[in-house]
Amino acid sequence: MANRGQDPDLVKHLDLAGDFMRLRLGEASVPRVGIILGSGLGGLAERIEDPIYIPYADVPYFPVSTVEGHAGRLVIGDLPAPDGTKTRVVALQGRFHLYEGYGASQVVFPVRALARLGVEAFVITNAAGGINTDLAPGDLMMITDHINLTGQNPLMGSHDDRLGPRFPDMGEAYDPEFRELLKAAASEQGLTLKEGVYTVLSGPSYETPAEVRMLSKLGCDACGMSTIPEVVACRQMSVRVLGISLISNHAAGLSENPLTHAEVIETANRVAPSFVDLVRTTVPRLVEALGRS
């Protein structure tokens, strides 16, 4: 039977990557929370104190990020909240995409390696195009559910029970308790936090107006080219997930201007301060929730 791209030595390679990261950490503890920073959102990593930098290219078996706006490194250290509370985190300053030529299993390799290392929860962020007309560029949208339209899944291929069940439940892919904590943090900051369903397409071309009309009829509020593979891998491994989309542009057909990656980065830079403060406020509460579970 064809292997469909899954590495038969996957767990061995994950643990070798983990051993390398633990060696680089030295006496420092492994964070309980990871943050995946989407296009233009990497600036949050600059707020991490006493950082340890690990370029992806140094880690055994890690892919290498090739997209503008993705620095391509792990940043491990203490993230201070606005109230001064410090939480140890690992930030992925850049991620990997199917459109870069990676298979779904390669895209989620860093998430799986960090989960094997001891990370228990991920805040997964992205820049997304707004489909729902109630969403405007600059809005922050909490992801409540998703639709995968890539035709790919990181669990396809050979299976290893050490990574979790073959058929993981996705009924609550985006943790309900984490979502309530995010909403409370946004309310305290006076931020308007939208909610919606995120869909992923393979990219890298943007969607056509006809595709956007189809997505709207399917119940999609925003669309992008990432996130869902990582969420699937996390849930298989019982890692809890909070998802946040920064609405960087109107989807095709909803704006008079052509879509560009430069627009994505410009919008992300404009909204970054609000996004950073929201994540900084929320992360310590996620760790408290992990302690209650």
Protein backbone atom coordinates (compact mmCIF):
# COMPACT_ATOMS: atom_id res chain seq x y z
CA MET A 1 0.00 0.00 0.00
CA ALA A 2 1.31 3.47 -0.86
CA ASN A 3 2.60 5.47 2.10
CA ARG A 4 1.10 8.79 0.90
CA GLY A 5 4.11 10.74 2.16
CA GLN A 6 3.96 9.80 5.88
CA ASP A 7 7.40 9.16 7.35
CA PRO A 8 7.59 5.60 8.74
CA ASP A 9 10.22 6.84 11.22
CA LEU A 10 8.16 9.91 12.15
CA VAL A 11 8.14 9.46 15.94
CA LYS A 12 11.89 8.77 15.96
CA HIS A 13 12.50 11.95 13.96
CA LEU A 14 10.15 13.98 16.16
CA ASP A 15 12.02 12.90 19.26
CA LEU A 16 15.41 13.64 17.69
CA ALA A 17 14.17 17.17 16.95
CA GLY A 18 12.91 17.38 20.52
CA ASP A 19 16.23 16.20 21.93
CA PHE A 20 18.00 18.92 19.95
CA MET A 21 15.63 21.61 21.25
CA ARG A 22 16.00 20.35 24.84
CA LEU A 23 19.80 20.50 24.44
CA ARG A 24 19.55 24.12 23.27
CA LEU A 25 17.29 24.94 26.22
CA GLY A 26 19.87 23.66 28.70
CA GLU A 27 18.55 24.09 32.23
CA ALA A 28 15.57 26.15 31.06
CA SER A 29 12.16 24.54 31.37
CA VAL A 30 9.97 23.48 28.45
CA PRO A 31 7.06 25.91 27.97
CA ARG A 32 3.50 24.63 28.38
CA VAL A 33 2.13 27.01 25.74
CA GLY A 34 3.21 27.53 22.13
CA ILE A 35 2.22 30.41 19.85
CA ILE A 36 2.23 30.06 16.07
CA LEU A 37 2.61 33.50 14.52
CA GLY A 38 1.06 34.02 11.09
CA SER A 39 1.98 36.40 8.28
CA GLY A 40 3.03 39.78 9.62
CA LEU A 41 2.37 38.80 13.24
CA GLY A 42 5.90 37.75 14.14
CA GLY A 43 6.47 40.95 16.13
CA LEU A 44 4.93 39.38 19.22
CA ALA A 45 8.09 37.30 19.55
CA GLU A 46 10.06 40.53 20.02
CA ARG A 47 8.27 41.00 23.36
CA ILE A 48 9.64 37.73 24.75
CA GLU A 49 12.23 38.35 27.46
CA ASP A 50 15.49 36.42 27.91
CA PRO A 51 14.90 34.74 24.56
CA ILE A 52 16.55 31.61 23.27
CA TYR A 53 16.56 31.62 19.46
CA ILE A 54 16.59 28.38 17.50
CA PRO A 55 16.52 28.76 13.69
CA TYR A 56 14.33 26.16 12.04
CA ALA A 57 17.23 25.30 9.75
CA ASP A 58 19.22 24.10 12.80
CA VAL A 59 16.59 21.65 14.07
CA PRO A 60 16.83 18.11 12.68
CA TYR A 61 14.04 17.29 10.22
CA PHE A 62 12.37 20.71 10.50
CA PRO A 63 11.14 22.26 7.25
CA VAL A 64 12.41 25.74 6.35
CA SER A 65 10.02 28.69 5.98
CA THR A 66 10.24 30.44 2.60
CA VAL A 67 7.51 33.12 2.88
CA GLU A 68 7.95 36.86 3.40
CA GLY A 69 6.81 37.83 6.90
CA HIS A 70 7.94 34.50 8.39
CA ALA A 71 11.31 34.78 10.18
CA GLY A 72 11.75 31.02 10.42
CA ARG A 73 12.84 30.44 14.02
CA LEU A 74 11.69 29.34 17.46
CA VAL A 75 11.79 31.97 20.20
CA ILE A 76 11.64 30.56 23.74
CA GLY A 77 11.44 32.74 26.84
CA ASP A 78 9.17 34.72 29.13
CA LEU A 79 6.22 36.63 27.68
CA PRO A 80 5.16 39.46 30.01
CA ALA A 81 1.45 40.23 30.36
CA PRO A 82 0.31 43.86 30.68
CA ASP A 83 -0.06 43.28 34.46
CA GLY A 84 3.56 42.13 34.72
CA THR A 85 2.82 38.40 34.92
CA LYS A 86 5.41 36.42 32.98
CA THR A 87 4.63 33.16 31.20
CA ARG A 88 7.16 30.87 29.62
CA VAL A 89 6.26 30.33 25.96
CA VAL A 90 7.67 29.07 22.71
CA ALA A 91 6.79 31.19 19.70
CA LEU A 92 7.04 29.86 16.17
CA GLN A 93 8.06 32.97 14.26
CA GLY A 94 6.82 31.74 10.92
CA ARG A 95 5.12 28.57 9.78
CA PHE A 96 4.95 26.20 6.82
CA HIS A 97 2.35 25.87 4.09
CA LEU A 98 1.18 23.28 1.61
CA TYR A 99 1.82 25.76 -1.22
CA GLU A 100 5.54 25.79 -0.41
CA GLY A 101 5.62 22.21 -1.62
CA TYR A 102 5.50 20.52 1.77
CA GLY A 103 3.23 17.61 2.50
CA ALA A 104 0.67 18.01 5.29
CA SER A 105 2.74 15.82 7.62
CA GLN A 106 5.79 18.05 7.05
CA VAL A 107 3.73 21.20 7.70
CA VAL A 108 2.80 19.97 11.20
CA PHE A 109 6.19 18.47 12.10
CA PRO A 110 7.19 21.37 14.43
CA VAL A 111 3.87 21.25 16.27
CA ARG A 112 4.16 17.52 16.78
CA ALA A 113 7.79 17.77 17.91
CA LEU A 114 6.93 20.46 20.47
CA ALA A 115 3.95 18.46 21.70
CA ARG A 116 6.21 15.42 22.18
CA LEU A 117 8.60 17.72 24.05
CA GLY A 118 5.88 18.81 26.50
CA VAL A 119 3.91 21.73 25.03
CA GLU A 120 0.28 21.27 26.10
CA ALA A 121 -1.53 24.05 24.24
CA PHE A 122 -1.12 26.23 21.18
CA VAL A 123 -2.37 29.69 20.27
CA ILE A 124 -2.53 29.41 16.48
CA THR A 125 -2.82 32.65 14.53
CA ASN A 126 -3.10 33.58 10.88
CA ALA A 127 -3.83 36.41 8.50
CA ALA A 128 -7.08 35.71 6.66
CA GLY A 129 -9.35 37.18 4.02
CA GLY A 130 -12.76 38.25 5.25
CA ILE A 131 -15.71 36.58 3.53
CA ASN A 132 -18.47 37.56 5.94
CA THR A 133 -19.36 41.16 5.13
CA ASP A 134 -19.44 41.94 8.86
CA LEU A 135 -15.65 41.48 8.89
CA ALA A 136 -13.35 44.35 7.92
CA PRO A 137 -9.58 44.55 7.46
CA GLY A 138 -8.01 44.95 10.89
CA ASP A 139 -10.63 42.89 12.74
CA LEU A 140 -9.57 40.06 15.03
CA MET A 141 -11.69 36.92 14.66
CA MET A 142 -11.75 34.09 17.17
CA ILE A 143 -12.00 30.83 15.25
CA THR A 144 -14.95 28.73 16.43
CA ASP A 145 -14.76 25.96 13.81
CA HIS A 146 -13.18 25.23 10.46
CA ILE A 147 -13.65 23.69 7.02
CA ASN A 148 -10.71 21.98 5.29
CA LEU A 149 -10.91 22.32 1.50
CA THR A 150 -7.33 21.38 0.66
CA GLY A 151 -8.02 17.68 0.18
CA GLN A 152 -5.04 16.96 2.46
CA ASN A 153 -4.82 15.89 6.09
CA PRO A 154 -1.64 15.45 8.17
CA LEU A 155 -2.98 12.15 9.54
CA MET A 156 -3.11 10.50 6.12
CA GLY A 157 -0.68 7.64 5.56
CA SER A 158 0.88 5.24 8.03
CA HIS A 159 -0.32 5.57 11.63
CA ASP A 160 1.50 5.42 14.96
CA ASP A 161 -0.55 5.10 18.15
CA ARG A 162 2.11 7.10 20.03
CA LEU A 163 0.77 10.23 18.30
CA GLY A 164 -2.82 9.62 19.34
CA PRO A 165 -5.89 7.92 17.87
CA ARG A 166 -6.20 7.12 14.19
CA PHE A 167 -9.60 8.84 14.07
CA PRO A 168 -9.50 11.81 16.48
CA ASP A 169 -12.73 13.61 17.34
CA MET A 170 -12.90 17.20 16.01
CA GLY A 171 -16.18 18.21 17.63
CA GLU A 172 -14.44 20.83 19.78
CA ALA A 173 -11.26 21.47 17.82
CA TYR A 174 -11.05 25.01 19.24
CA ASP A 175 -11.11 24.67 23.01
CA PRO A 176 -14.36 26.10 24.51
CA GLU A 177 -12.70 27.15 27.79
CA PHE A 178 -9.86 28.88 25.95
CA ARG A 179 -12.38 30.74 23.79
CA GLU A 180 -14.18 32.08 26.85
CA LEU A 181 -10.87 33.25 28.30
CA LEU A 182 -10.03 35.04 25.05
CA LYS A 183 -13.42 36.76 24.96
CA ALA A 184 -12.99 37.93 28.55
CA ALA A 185 -9.52 39.32 27.80
CA ALA A 186 -10.80 41.17 24.73
CA SER A 187 -13.68 42.65 26.70
CA GLU A 188 -11.34 43.89 29.43
CA GLN A 189 -9.20 45.61 26.78
CA GLY A 190 -12.19 47.16 25.05
CA LEU A 191 -11.48 45.19 21.88
CA THR A 192 -14.22 44.08 19.54
CA LEU A 193 -13.53 40.39 18.99
CA LYS A 194 -15.39 38.81 16.10
CA GLU A 195 -16.14 35.08 15.89
CA GLY A 196 -16.39 32.83 12.88
CA VAL A 197 -15.62 29.75 10.83
CA TYR A 198 -12.23 29.64 9.11
CA THR A 199 -11.57 27.69 5.94
CA VAL A 200 -8.28 26.70 4.39
CA LEU A 201 -7.48 26.35 0.70
CA SER A 202 -4.14 25.27 -0.65
CA GLY A 203 -3.06 28.57 -2.29
CA PRO A 204 -0.81 30.29 -3.14
CA SER A 205 -3.16 32.05 -5.57
CA TYR A 206 -5.92 33.99 -3.88
CA GLU A 207 -9.50 32.83 -4.29
CA THR A 208 -11.63 33.91 -7.25
CA PRO A 209 -14.86 35.87 -6.69
CA ALA A 210 -16.84 32.74 -7.65
CA GLU A 211 -14.94 30.69 -5.08
CA VAL A 212 -15.62 33.33 -2.42
CA ARG A 213 -19.35 33.22 -3.22
CA MET A 214 -19.23 29.43 -2.86
CA LEU A 215 -17.40 29.69 0.47
CA SER A 216 -19.96 32.15 1.75
CA LYS A 217 -22.78 29.73 0.92
CA LEU A 218 -20.88 26.98 2.77
CA GLY A 219 -20.88 29.07 5.94
CA CYS A 220 -17.26 30.27 5.84
CA ASP A 221 -16.51 33.61 7.47
CA ALA A 222 -12.81 33.90 6.60
CA CYS A 223 -10.33 31.99 4.46
CA GLY A 224 -6.59 31.45 4.37
CA MET A 225 -3.83 29.02 3.51
CA SER A 226 -2.75 27.63 6.90
CA THR A 227 -3.75 26.69 10.46
CA ILE A 228 -6.06 23.72 9.98
CA PRO A 229 -3.30 21.11 9.48
CA GLU A 230 -1.71 22.22 12.77
CA VAL A 231 -5.06 22.12 14.55
CA VAL A 232 -5.74 18.57 13.35
CA ALA A 233 -2.31 17.39 14.51
CA CYS A 234 -2.77 19.08 17.89
CA ARG A 235 -6.13 17.50 18.50
CA GLN A 236 -4.85 14.05 17.61
CA MET A 237 -2.20 14.52 20.32
CA SER A 238 -4.73 15.95 22.85
CA VAL A 239 -3.07 19.37 22.68
CA ARG A 240 -5.56 22.17 23.34
CA VAL A 241 -5.99 24.91 20.71
CA LEU A 242 -7.01 28.56 20.58
CA GLY A 243 -7.32 30.04 17.08
CA ILE A 244 -7.20 33.73 16.12
CA SER A 245 -7.46 35.20 12.61
CA LEU A 246 -6.39 38.73 11.80
CA ILE A 247 -8.63 39.85 8.95
CA SER A 248 -6.06 41.38 6.64
CA ASN A 249 -8.22 42.06 3.58
CA HIS A 250 -11.62 41.56 2.00
CA ALA A 251 -11.76 38.35 -0.02
CA ALA A 252 -11.88 38.56 -3.82
CA GLY A 253 -15.00 40.17 -5.22
CA LEU A 254 -15.69 42.11 -2.02
CA SER A 255 -13.21 44.91 -2.71
CA GLU A 256 -12.36 47.04 -5.72
CA ASN A 257 -8.62 46.56 -5.15
CA PRO A 258 -6.59 43.52 -6.26
CA LEU A 259 -5.32 41.30 -3.44
CA THR A 260 -1.61 41.43 -2.57
CA HIS A 261 0.63 39.93 0.10
CA ALA A 262 1.88 43.46 0.81
CA GLU A 263 -1.65 44.39 1.93
CA VAL A 264 -1.64 41.44 4.32
CA ILE A 265 1.62 42.57 5.92
CA GLU A 266 0.54 46.23 6.08
CA THR A 267 -2.71 45.40 7.86
CA ALA A 268 -0.95 43.03 10.26
CA ASN A 269 1.56 45.73 11.17
CA ARG A 270 -1.25 48.21 11.82
CA VAL A 271 -3.19 45.87 14.12
CA ALA A 272 -0.15 44.29 15.77
CA PRO A 273 -0.27 46.29 19.05
CA SER A 274 -3.86 45.23 19.81
CA PHE A 275 -3.13 41.65 18.78
CA VAL A 276 0.03 41.48 20.93
CA ASP A 277 -1.72 42.85 24.01
CA LEU A 278 -4.63 40.44 23.57
CA VAL A 279 -2.33 37.42 23.37
CA ARG A 280 -0.16 38.66 26.25
CA THR A 281 -3.26 39.00 28.44
CA THR A 282 -4.70 35.64 27.47
CA VAL A 283 -1.67 33.34 27.67
CA PRO A 284 -1.31 33.33 31.51
CA ARG A 285 -4.98 32.39 31.78
CA LEU A 286 -4.46 29.46 29.43
CA VAL A 287 -1.71 28.17 31.70
CA GLU A 288 -4.06 28.48 34.69
CA ALA A 289 -6.68 26.51 32.75
CA LEU A 290 -4.12 23.81 31.97
CA GLY A 291 -3.43 23.56 35.69
CA ARG A 292 -7.13 22.96 36.38
CA SER A 293 -7.48 20.21 33.79
